[in-house]
C-alpha atoms as a PDB file:
ATOM      1  CA  MET A   1       6.099  -3.500 -13.710  1.00  0.00           C
ATOM      2  CA  THR A   2       7.356  -6.998 -14.492  1.00  0.00           C
ATOM      3  CA  ASP A   3      10.941  -5.740 -14.166  1.00  0.00           C
ATOM      4  CA  VAL A   4      10.223  -4.603 -10.610  1.00  0.00           C
ATOM      5  CA  LEU A   5       8.638  -7.926  -9.695  1.00  0.00           C
ATOM      6  CA  ALA A   6      11.572  -9.832 -11.169  1.00  0.00           C
ATOM      7  CA  ARG A   7      14.034  -7.773  -9.103  1.00  0.00           C
ATOM      8  CA  VAL A   8      12.022  -8.401  -5.934  1.00  0.00           C
ATOM      9  CA  ILE A   9      12.107 -12.147  -6.570  1.00  0.00           C
ATOM     10  CA  GLU A  10      15.751 -12.311  -7.627  1.00  0.00           C
ATOM     11  CA  ARG A  11      17.538  -9.855  -5.330  1.00  0.00           C
ATOM     12  CA  GLU A  12      17.870  -9.311  -1.639  1.00  0.00           C
ATOM     13  CA  PRO A  13      16.640  -5.913  -0.438  1.00  0.00           C
ATOM     14  CA  ASP A  14      19.300  -3.224  -0.039  1.00  0.00           C
ATOM     15  CA  LEU A  15      19.160  -2.498   3.668  1.00  0.00           C
ATOM     16  CA  SER A  16      22.132  -0.169   3.297  1.00  0.00           C
ATOM     17  CA  ALA A  17      19.575   2.463   2.262  1.00  0.00           C
ATOM     18  CA  LEU A  18      18.409   2.607   5.895  1.00  0.00           C
ATOM     19  CA  PRO A  19      19.835   5.359   8.106  1.00  0.00           C
ATOM     20  CA  LEU A  20      23.225   4.342   9.504  1.00  0.00           C
ATOM     21  CA  ASN A  21      21.989   4.501  13.079  1.00  0.00           C
ATOM     22  CA  THR A  22      19.036   2.165  12.487  1.00  0.00           C
ATOM     23  CA  PRO A  23      19.195  -0.302  15.396  1.00  0.00           C
ATOM     24  CA  ALA A  24      20.534  -3.731  14.486  1.00  0.00           C
ATOM     25  CA  ALA A  25      17.354  -5.329  15.841  1.00  0.00           C
ATOM     26  CA  ILE A  26      15.254  -3.324  13.364  1.00  0.00           C
ATOM     27  CA  ARG A  27      17.546  -4.400  10.512  1.00  0.00           C
ATOM     28  CA  ARG A  28      17.193  -8.050  11.570  1.00  0.00           C
ATOM     29  CA  LEU A  29      13.415  -7.689  11.765  1.00  0.00           C
ATOM     30  CA  LEU A  30      13.285  -6.223   8.270  1.00  0.00           C
ATOM     31  CA  ARG A  31      15.510  -9.010   6.927  1.00  0.00           C
ATOM     32  CA  HIS A  32      13.199 -11.622   8.475  1.00  0.00           C
ATOM     33  CA  CYS A  33      10.112  -9.928   7.036  1.00  0.00           C
ATOM     34  CA  LEU A  34      11.640  -9.771   3.561  1.00  0.00           C
ATOM     35  CA  GLU A  35      13.235 -13.220   3.573  1.00  0.00           C
ATOM     36  CA  LYS A  36      12.820 -15.037   0.252  1.00  0.00           C
ATOM     37  CA  ASP A  37      12.610 -18.493   1.838  1.00  0.00           C
ATOM     38  CA  PRO A  38       9.144 -18.766   3.436  1.00  0.00           C
ATOM     39  CA  ARG A  39      10.489 -21.207   6.048  1.00  0.00           C
ATOM     40  CA  ARG A  40      12.841 -18.489   7.328  1.00  0.00           C
ATOM     41  CA  ARG A  41      10.397 -15.591   6.962  1.00  0.00           C
ATOM     42  CA  LEU A  42       8.119 -14.486   9.788  1.00  0.00           C
ATOM     43  CA  ALA A  43       4.810 -16.276   9.350  1.00  0.00           C
ATOM     44  CA  ASP A  44       2.326 -13.455   9.877  1.00  0.00           C
ATOM     45  CA  ALA A  45       1.604 -10.043  11.367  1.00  0.00           C
ATOM     46  CA  ALA A  46       1.266 -11.554  14.853  1.00  0.00           C
ATOM     47  CA  ASP A  47       4.864 -12.794  14.654  1.00  0.00           C
ATOM     48  CA  VAL A  48       6.000  -9.365  13.471  1.00  0.00           C
ATOM     49  CA  ALA A  49       4.112  -7.702  16.349  1.00  0.00           C
ATOM     50  CA  ARG A  50       5.777  -9.974  18.924  1.00  0.00           C
ATOM     51  CA  VAL A  51       9.252  -9.324  17.538  1.00  0.00           C
ATOM     52  CA  LEU A  52       8.562  -5.612  17.145  1.00  0.00           C
ATOM     53  CA  SER A  53       7.443  -5.397  20.760  1.00  0.00           C
ATOM     54  CA  ARG A  54      10.768  -6.879  21.898  1.00  0.00           C
ATOM     55  CA  VAL A  55      12.687  -4.626  19.495  1.00  0.00           C
ATOM     56  CA  ILE A  56      10.946  -1.514  20.792  1.00  0.00           C
ATOM     57  CA  ASP A  57      11.647  -2.492  24.397  1.00  0.00           C
ATOM     58  CA  ALA A  58      15.331  -3.028  23.559  1.00  0.00           C
ATOM     59  CA  ALA A  59      15.595   0.152  21.465  1.00  0.00           C
ATOM     60  CA  LEU A  60      13.717   2.407  23.863  1.00  0.00           C
ATOM     61  CA  PRO A  61      16.858   4.325  24.909  1.00  0.00           C
ATOM     62  CA  PHE A  62      17.528   5.075  21.218  1.00  0.00           C
ATOM     63  CA  PHE A  63      14.015   6.424  20.686  1.00  0.00           C
ATOM     64  CA  LYS A  64      13.979   8.399  23.960  1.00  0.00           C
ATOM     65  CA  GLY A  65      17.084  10.207  22.718  1.00  0.00           C
ATOM     66  CA  CYS A  66      15.145  11.242  19.624  1.00  0.00           C
ATOM     67  CA  ALA A  67      12.214  12.723  21.515  1.00  0.00           C
ATOM     68  CA  SER A  68      14.130  15.775  22.638  1.00  0.00           C
ATOM     69  CA  ARG A  69      15.007  16.607  19.028  1.00  0.00           C
ATOM     70  CA  VAL A  70      11.528  16.269  17.523  1.00  0.00           C
ATOM     71  CA  ARG A  71      10.056  19.423  15.998  1.00  0.00           C
ATOM     72  CA  PRO A  72       6.596  19.444  14.402  1.00  0.00           C
ATOM     73  CA  ASP A  73       7.929  20.973  11.188  1.00  0.00           C
ATOM     74  CA  LYS A  74      10.860  18.575  10.780  1.00  0.00           C
ATOM     75  CA  ARG A  75      11.306  14.905  10.076  1.00  0.00           C
ATOM     76  CA  ILE A  76      12.815  12.888  12.942  1.00  0.00           C
ATOM     77  CA  ARG A  77      16.489  12.192  12.290  1.00  0.00           C
ATOM     78  CA  CYS A  78      17.952  10.088  15.065  1.00  0.00           C
END
């Protein structure tokens, strides 16, 4: 457990594990949420909600393209 905590403190998260077609705005949001420096990190959930609202509005065409491929028995892969 302490090894995991040490890695979280010492290393930046590996955002390359995200799907390749993850919108850039989502990647930026995640980076801001996981920022080590508290002055650069989003302050609270309200800040995240505001940014996420803008991200969703900007990424809506991406998500609309996914809707036609959604099947109840399958995971969404956009």
